[in-house]
């Protein structure tokens, strides 16, 4: 999903404060067919960090899982 955003026409790395619009991409990716229940706050957190994720050449599924675990631990 992050790579799709980076390669899309709507991505502009100069507009850092407008990246919350990327949340739609994450909501579409984590639809009811993929997850039973999704955490909206986490989706917005992902969207807020799109620019950092795009610049992270080591980003992978494992790193995103770690991020989610860290998020869940901090929400307690």
PDB file of N, CA and C in Angstrom:
ATOM      1  N   UNK A   1       0.821  -1.190   0.000  1.00  0.00           N
ATOM      2  CA  UNK A   1       0.000   0.000   0.000  1.00  0.00           C
ATOM      3  C   UNK A   1       0.864   1.253   0.000  1.00  0.00           C
ATOM      4  N   UNK A   2       1.909   1.259   0.810  1.00  0.00           N
ATOM      5  CA  UNK A   2       2.799   2.424   0.861  1.00  0.00           C
ATOM      6  C   UNK A   2       3.465   2.655  -0.488  1.00  0.00           C
ATOM      7  N   UNK A   3       3.910   1.580  -1.115  1.00  0.00           N
ATOM      8  CA  UNK A   3       4.551   1.713  -2.436  1.00  0.00           C
ATOM      9  C   UNK A   3       3.541   2.193  -3.474  1.00  0.00           C
ATOM     10  N   UNK A   4       2.301   1.737  -3.353  1.00  0.00           N
ATOM     11  CA  UNK A   4       1.253   2.181  -4.274  1.00  0.00           C
ATOM     12  C   UNK A   4       1.012   3.682  -4.137  1.00  0.00           C
ATOM     13  N   UNK A   5       0.994   4.171  -2.901  1.00  0.00           N
ATOM     14  CA  UNK A   5       0.815   5.607  -2.669  1.00  0.00           C
ATOM     15  C   UNK A   5       1.996   6.373  -3.265  1.00  0.00           C
ATOM     16  N   UNK A   6       3.217   5.869  -3.020  1.00  0.00           N
ATOM     17  CA  UNK A   6       4.423   6.555  -3.501  1.00  0.00           C
ATOM     18  C   UNK A   6       4.452   6.650  -5.019  1.00  0.00           C
ATOM     19  N   UNK A   7       3.925   5.649  -5.693  1.00  0.00           N
ATOM     20  CA  UNK A   7       3.939   5.629  -7.151  1.00  0.00           C
ATOM     21  C   UNK A   7       2.701   6.263  -7.776  1.00  0.00           C
ATOM     22  N   UNK A   8       1.747   6.657  -6.948  1.00  0.00           N
ATOM     23  CA  UNK A   8       0.497   7.225  -7.448  1.00  0.00           C
ATOM     24  C   UNK A   8       0.622   8.686  -7.816  1.00  0.00           C
ATOM     25  N   UNK A   9      -0.337   9.141  -8.559  1.00  0.00           N
ATOM     26  CA  UNK A   9      -0.333  10.536  -9.004  1.00  0.00           C
ATOM     27  C   UNK A   9      -0.604  11.513  -7.866  1.00  0.00           C
ATOM     28  N   UNK A  10      -1.288  11.060  -6.815  1.00  0.00           N
ATOM     29  CA  UNK A  10      -1.648  11.959  -5.731  1.00  0.00           C
ATOM     30  C   UNK A  10      -0.556  12.211  -4.717  1.00  0.00           C
ATOM     31  N   UNK A  11       0.560  11.484  -4.804  1.00  0.00           N
ATOM     32  CA  UNK A  11       1.624  11.641  -3.809  1.00  0.00           C
ATOM     33  C   UNK A  11       2.487  12.841  -4.126  1.00  0.00           C
ATOM     34  N   UNK A  12       2.709  13.669  -3.120  1.00  0.00           N
ATOM     35  CA  UNK A  12       3.573  14.832  -3.264  1.00  0.00           C
ATOM     36  C   UNK A  12       4.362  14.966  -1.965  1.00  0.00           C
ATOM     37  N   UNK A  13       5.637  14.625  -2.003  1.00  0.00           N
ATOM     38  CA  UNK A  13       6.452  14.636  -0.791  1.00  0.00           C
ATOM     39  C   UNK A  13       6.627  16.037  -0.217  1.00  0.00           C
ATOM     40  N   UNK A  14       6.341  17.064  -0.988  1.00  0.00           N
ATOM     41  CA  UNK A  14       6.463  18.434  -0.497  1.00  0.00           C
ATOM     42  C   UNK A  14       5.272  18.859   0.351  1.00  0.00           C
ATOM     43  N   UNK A  15       4.186  18.136   0.289  1.00  0.00           N
ATOM     44  CA  UNK A  15       2.977  18.483   1.038  1.00  0.00           C
ATOM     45  C   UNK A  15       2.842  17.552   2.238  1.00  0.00           C
ATOM     46  N   UNK A  16       3.760  17.672   3.171  1.00  0.00           N
ATOM     47  CA  UNK A  16       3.811  16.788   4.334  1.00  0.00           C
ATOM     48  C   UNK A  16       2.538  16.875   5.161  1.00  0.00           C
ATOM     49  N   UNK A  17       1.970  18.037   5.314  1.00  0.00           N
ATOM     50  CA  UNK A  17       0.804  18.204   6.179  1.00  0.00           C
ATOM     51  C   UNK A  17      -0.505  17.740   5.548  1.00  0.00           C
ATOM     52  N   UNK A  18      -0.486  17.350   4.300  1.00  0.00           N
ATOM     53  CA  UNK A  18      -1.708  16.917   3.629  1.00  0.00           C
ATOM     54  C   UNK A  18      -1.794  15.404   3.492  1.00  0.00           C
ATOM     55  N   UNK A  19      -0.917  14.682   4.172  1.00  0.00           N
ATOM     56  CA  UNK A  19      -0.868  13.240   3.988  1.00  0.00           C
ATOM     57  C   UNK A  19      -1.996  12.487   4.662  1.00  0.00           C
ATOM     58  N   UNK A  20      -2.825  13.140   5.459  1.00  0.00           N
ATOM     59  CA  UNK A  20      -3.927  12.441   6.119  1.00  0.00           C
ATOM     60  C   UNK A  20      -4.922  11.921   5.079  1.00  0.00           C
ATOM     61  N   UNK A  21      -4.913  12.497   3.894  1.00  0.00           N
ATOM     62  CA  UNK A  21      -5.766  12.014   2.812  1.00  0.00           C
ATOM     63  C   UNK A  21      -5.415  10.600   2.381  1.00  0.00           C
ATOM     64  N   UNK A  22      -4.238  10.137   2.741  1.00  0.00           N
ATOM     65  CA  UNK A  22      -3.834   8.778   2.394  1.00  0.00           C
ATOM     66  C   UNK A  22      -4.574   7.737   3.222  1.00  0.00           C
ATOM     67  N   UNK A  23      -5.285   8.159   4.247  1.00  0.00           N
ATOM     68  CA  UNK A  23      -6.019   7.216   5.095  1.00  0.00           C
ATOM     69  C   UNK A  23      -6.980   6.376   4.268  1.00  0.00           C
ATOM     70  N   UNK A  24      -7.571   6.951   3.246  1.00  0.00           N
ATOM     71  CA  UNK A  24      -8.504   6.218   2.386  1.00  0.00           C
ATOM     72  C   UNK A  24      -7.847   4.971   1.811  1.00  0.00           C
ATOM     73  N   UNK A  25      -6.594   5.069   1.430  1.00  0.00           N
ATOM     74  CA  UNK A  25      -5.875   3.921   0.885  1.00  0.00           C
ATOM     75  C   UNK A  25      -5.801   2.797   1.915  1.00  0.00           C
ATOM     76  N   UNK A  26      -5.523   3.151   3.165  1.00  0.00           N
ATOM     77  CA  UNK A  26      -5.412   2.136   4.208  1.00  0.00           C
ATOM     78  C   UNK A  26      -6.771   1.544   4.562  1.00  0.00           C
ATOM     79  N   UNK A  27      -7.808   2.372   4.577  1.00  0.00           N
ATOM     80  CA  UNK A  27      -9.156   1.851   4.837  1.00  0.00           C
ATOM     81  C   UNK A  27      -9.566   0.870   3.745  1.00  0.00           C
ATOM     82  N   UNK A  28      -9.205   1.166   2.500  1.00  0.00           N
ATOM     83  CA  UNK A  28      -9.516   0.246   1.404  1.00  0.00           C
ATOM     84  C   UNK A  28      -8.709  -1.046   1.515  1.00  0.00           C
ATOM     85  N   UNK A  29      -7.458  -0.941   1.922  1.00  0.00           N
ATOM     86  CA  UNK A  29      -6.597  -2.120   2.030  1.00  0.00           C
ATOM     87  C   UNK A  29      -7.028  -3.038   3.164  1.00  0.00           C
ATOM     88  N   UNK A  30      -7.500  -2.456   4.250  1.00  0.00           N
ATOM     89  CA  UNK A  30      -7.924  -3.239   5.411  1.00  0.00           C
ATOM     90  C   UNK A  30      -9.451  -3.306   5.473  1.00  0.00           C
ATOM     91  N   UNK A  31     -10.036  -3.781   4.397  1.00  0.00           N
ATOM     92  CA  UNK A  31     -11.496  -3.860   4.355  1.00  0.00           C
ATOM     93  C   UNK A  31     -11.997  -5.087   5.121  1.00  0.00           C
ATOM     94  N   UNK A  32     -13.289  -5.305   5.145  1.00  0.00           N
ATOM     95  CA  UNK A  32     -13.895  -6.403   5.917  1.00  0.00           C
ATOM     96  C   UNK A  32     -13.454  -7.784   5.436  1.00  0.00           C
ATOM     97  N   UNK A  33     -13.003  -7.877   4.202  1.00  0.00           N
ATOM     98  CA  UNK A  33     -12.512  -9.165   3.694  1.00  0.00           C
ATOM     99  C   UNK A  33     -11.141  -9.507   4.268  1.00  0.00           C
ATOM    100  N   UNK A  34     -10.412  -8.493   4.699  1.00  0.00           N
ATOM    101  CA  UNK A  34      -9.048  -8.680   5.202  1.00  0.00           C
ATOM    102  C   UNK A  34      -9.023  -8.804   6.719  1.00  0.00           C
ATOM    103  N   UNK A  35      -9.760  -7.944   7.395  1.00  0.00           N
ATOM    104  CA  UNK A  35      -9.790  -7.955   8.862  1.00  0.00           C
ATOM    105  C   UNK A  35     -11.232  -7.901   9.350  1.00  0.00           C
ATOM    106  N   UNK A  36     -11.482  -8.539  10.472  1.00  0.00           N
ATOM    107  CA  UNK A  36     -12.834  -8.519  11.038  1.00  0.00           C
ATOM    108  C   UNK A  36     -13.142  -7.162  11.661  1.00  0.00           C
ATOM    109  N   UNK A  37     -12.147  -6.612  12.345  1.00  0.00           N
ATOM    110  CA  UNK A  37     -12.336  -5.323  12.997  1.00  0.00           C
ATOM    111  C   UNK A  37     -11.060  -4.508  12.794  1.00  0.00           C
ATOM    112  N   UNK A  38     -11.199  -3.303  12.324  1.00  0.00           N
ATOM    113  CA  UNK A  38     -10.025  -2.470  12.120  1.00  0.00           C
ATOM    114  C   UNK A  38     -10.036  -1.297  13.098  1.00  0.00           C
ATOM    115  N   UNK A  39      -8.869  -0.832  13.408  1.00  0.00           N
ATOM    116  CA  UNK A  39      -8.698   0.259  14.344  1.00  0.00           C
ATOM    117  C   UNK A  39      -8.533   1.553  13.554  1.00  0.00           C
ATOM    118  N   UNK A  40      -9.543   2.395  13.576  1.00  0.00           N
ATOM    119  CA  UNK A  40      -9.521   3.628  12.789  1.00  0.00           C
ATOM    120  C   UNK A  40      -8.376   4.547  13.188  1.00  0.00           C
ATOM    121  N   UNK A  41      -8.116   4.626  14.482  1.00  0.00           N
ATOM    122  CA  UNK A  41      -7.033   5.492  14.953  1.00  0.00           C
ATOM    123  C   UNK A  41      -5.691   5.038  14.366  1.00  0.00           C
ATOM    124  N   UNK A  42      -5.496   3.724  14.290  1.00  0.00           N
ATOM    125  CA  UNK A  42      -4.256   3.195  13.716  1.00  0.00           C
ATOM    126  C   UNK A  42      -4.172   3.525  12.225  1.00  0.00           C
ATOM    127  N   UNK A  43      -5.297   3.467  11.525  1.00  0.00           N
ATOM    128  CA  UNK A  43      -5.301   3.797  10.092  1.00  0.00           C
ATOM    129  C   UNK A  43      -4.844   5.239   9.878  1.00  0.00           C
ATOM    130  N   UNK A  44      -5.329   6.146  10.713  1.00  0.00           N
ATOM    131  CA  UNK A  44      -4.928   7.542  10.589  1.00  0.00           C
ATOM    132  C   UNK A  44      -3.470   7.737  10.980  1.00  0.00           C
ATOM    133  N   UNK A  45      -2.999   6.955  11.958  1.00  0.00           N
ATOM    134  CA  UNK A  45      -1.599   7.031  12.340  1.00  0.00           C
ATOM    135  C   UNK A  45      -0.712   6.586  11.168  1.00  0.00           C
ATOM    136  N   UNK A  46      -1.115   5.506  10.485  1.00  0.00           N
ATOM    137  CA  UNK A  46      -0.375   5.059   9.301  1.00  0.00           C
ATOM    138  C   UNK A  46      -0.343   6.159   8.248  1.00  0.00           C
ATOM    139  N   UNK A  47      -1.496   6.748   7.984  1.00  0.00           N
ATOM    140  CA  UNK A  47      -1.582   7.800   6.966  1.00  0.00           C
ATOM    141  C   UNK A  47      -0.689   8.982   7.329  1.00  0.00           C
ATOM    142  N   UNK A  48      -0.623   9.285   8.620  1.00  0.00           N
ATOM    143  CA  UNK A  48       0.195  10.402   9.088  1.00  0.00           C
ATOM    144  C   UNK A  48       1.679  10.138   8.885  1.00  0.00           C
ATOM    145  N   UNK A  49       2.054   8.867   8.782  1.00  0.00           N
ATOM    146  CA  UNK A  49       3.469   8.521   8.659  1.00  0.00           C
ATOM    147  C   UNK A  49       3.850   8.025   7.257  1.00  0.00           C
ATOM    148  N   UNK A  50       2.991   8.265   6.282  1.00  0.00           N
ATOM    149  CA  UNK A  50       3.251   7.796   4.918  1.00  0.00           C
ATOM    150  C   UNK A  50       4.595   8.294   4.397  1.00  0.00           C
ATOM    151  N   UNK A  51       4.886   9.569   4.559  1.00  0.00           N
ATOM    152  CA  UNK A  51       6.135  10.113   4.025  1.00  0.00           C
ATOM    153  C   UNK A  51       7.349   9.409   4.626  1.00  0.00           C
ATOM    154  N   UNK A  52       7.325   9.174   5.935  1.00  0.00           N
ATOM    155  CA  UNK A  52       8.436   8.467   6.579  1.00  0.00           C
ATOM    156  C   UNK A  52       8.540   7.034   6.068  1.00  0.00           C
ATOM    157  N   UNK A  53       7.398   6.379   5.865  1.00  0.00           N
ATOM    158  CA  UNK A  53       7.423   4.999   5.387  1.00  0.00           C
ATOM    159  C   UNK A  53       7.953   4.923   3.958  1.00  0.00           C
ATOM    160  N   UNK A  54       7.607   5.891   3.133  1.00  0.00           N
ATOM    161  CA  UNK A  54       8.081   5.900   1.751  1.00  0.00           C
ATOM    162  C   UNK A  54       9.595   6.063   1.710  1.00  0.00           C
ATOM    163  N   UNK A  55      10.124   6.895   2.584  1.00  0.00           N
ATOM    164  CA  UNK A  55      11.568   7.116   2.619  1.00  0.00           C
ATOM    165  C   UNK A  55      12.325   5.939   3.228  1.00  0.00           C
ATOM    166  N   UNK A  56      11.634   5.069   3.956  1.00  0.00           N
ATOM    167  CA  UNK A  56      12.259   3.919   4.618  1.00  0.00           C
ATOM    168  C   UNK A  56      12.406   2.774   3.620  1.00  0.00           C
ATOM    169  N   UNK A  57      13.610   2.599   3.093  1.00  0.00           N
ATOM    170  CA  UNK A  57      13.817   1.562   2.082  1.00  0.00           C
ATOM    171  C   UNK A  57      13.737   0.154   2.668  1.00  0.00           C
ATOM    172  N   UNK A  58      13.797   0.038   3.982  1.00  0.00           N
ATOM    173  CA  UNK A  58      13.722  -1.274   4.640  1.00  0.00           C
ATOM    174  C   UNK A  58      12.311  -1.616   5.107  1.00  0.00           C
ATOM    175  N   UNK A  59      11.336  -0.817   4.737  1.00  0.00           N
ATOM    176  CA  UNK A  59       9.964  -1.064   5.172  1.00  0.00           C
ATOM    177  C   UNK A  59       9.454  -2.387   4.604  1.00  0.00           C
ATOM    178  N   UNK A  60       8.879  -3.199   5.478  1.00  0.00           N
ATOM    179  CA  UNK A  60       8.300  -4.470   5.051  1.00  0.00           C
ATOM    180  C   UNK A  60       7.169  -4.842   6.008  1.00  0.00           C
ATOM    181  N   UNK A  61       6.514  -5.943   5.734  1.00  0.00           N
ATOM    182  CA  UNK A  61       5.373  -6.362   6.543  1.00  0.00           C
ATOM    183  C   UNK A  61       5.772  -6.569   7.997  1.00  0.00           C
ATOM    184  N   UNK A  62       6.955  -7.128   8.227  1.00  0.00           N
ATOM    185  CA  UNK A  62       7.406  -7.378   9.599  1.00  0.00           C
ATOM    186  C   UNK A  62       7.553  -6.072  10.378  1.00  0.00           C
ATOM    187  N   UNK A  63       8.117  -5.055   9.729  1.00  0.00           N
ATOM    188  CA  UNK A  63       8.277  -3.761  10.386  1.00  0.00           C
ATOM    189  C   UNK A  63       6.923  -3.129  10.708  1.00  0.00           C
ATOM    190  N   UNK A  64       5.950  -3.288   9.814  1.00  0.00           N
ATOM    191  CA  UNK A  64       4.616  -2.752  10.080  1.00  0.00           C
ATOM    192  C   UNK A  64       3.950  -3.490  11.236  1.00  0.00           C
ATOM    193  N   UNK A  65       4.175  -4.797  11.328  1.00  0.00           N
ATOM    194  CA  UNK A  65       3.627  -5.559  12.457  1.00  0.00           C
ATOM    195  C   UNK A  65       4.230  -5.064  13.779  1.00  0.00           C
ATOM    196  N   UNK A  66       5.528  -4.780  13.770  1.00  0.00           N
ATOM    197  CA  UNK A  66       6.182  -4.247  14.971  1.00  0.00           C
ATOM    198  C   UNK A  66       5.580  -2.899  15.350  1.00  0.00           C
ATOM    199  N   UNK A  67       5.346  -2.063  14.343  1.00  0.00           N
ATOM    200  CA  UNK A  67       4.741  -0.758  14.579  1.00  0.00           C
ATOM    201  C   UNK A  67       3.357  -0.905  15.204  1.00  0.00           C
ATOM    202  N   UNK A  68       2.580  -1.849  14.691  1.00  0.00           N
ATOM    203  CA  UNK A  68       1.237  -2.059  15.232  1.00  0.00           C
ATOM    204  C   UNK A  68       1.299  -2.568  16.667  1.00  0.00           C
ATOM    205  N   UNK A  69       2.224  -3.498  16.950  1.00  0.00           N
ATOM    206  CA  UNK A  69       2.385  -4.004  18.317  1.00  0.00           C
ATOM    207  C   UNK A  69       2.775  -2.867  19.256  1.00  0.00           C
ATOM    208  N   UNK A  70       3.703  -2.029  18.803  1.00  0.00           N
ATOM    209  CA  UNK A  70       4.120  -0.881  19.609  1.00  0.00           C
ATOM    210  C   UNK A  70       2.936   0.048  19.857  1.00  0.00           C
ATOM    211  N   UNK A  71       2.125   0.265  18.844  1.00  0.00           N
ATOM    212  CA  UNK A  71       0.935   1.088  18.971  1.00  0.00           C
ATOM    213  C   UNK A  71      -0.025   0.497  20.006  1.00  0.00           C
ATOM    214  N   UNK A  72      -0.277  -0.802  19.916  1.00  0.00           N
ATOM    215  CA  UNK A  72      -1.187  -1.449  20.846  1.00  0.00           C
ATOM    216  C   UNK A  72      -0.660  -1.363  22.277  1.00  0.00           C
ATOM    217  N   UNK A  73       0.632  -1.552  22.455  1.00  0.00           N
ATOM    218  CA  UNK A  73       1.232  -1.473  23.792  1.00  0.00           C
ATOM    219  C   UNK A  73       1.119  -0.067  24.373  1.00  0.00           C
ATOM    220  N   UNK A  74       1.263   0.946  23.532  1.00  0.00           N
ATOM    221  CA  UNK A  74       1.186   2.333  24.023  1.00  0.00           C
ATOM    222  C   UNK A  74      -0.247   2.754  24.303  1.00  0.00           C
ATOM    223  N   UNK A  75      -1.214   2.069  23.698  1.00  0.00           N
ATOM    224  CA  UNK A  75      -2.620   2.442  23.881  1.00  0.00           C
ATOM    225  C   UNK A  75      -3.198   1.890  25.184  1.00  0.00           C
ATOM    226  N   UNK A  76      -2.441   1.039  25.854  1.00  0.00           N
ATOM    227  CA  UNK A  76      -2.934   0.435  27.112  1.00  0.00           C
ATOM    228  C   UNK A  76      -2.917   1.395  28.254  1.00  0.00           C
TER     229      UNK A  76
END
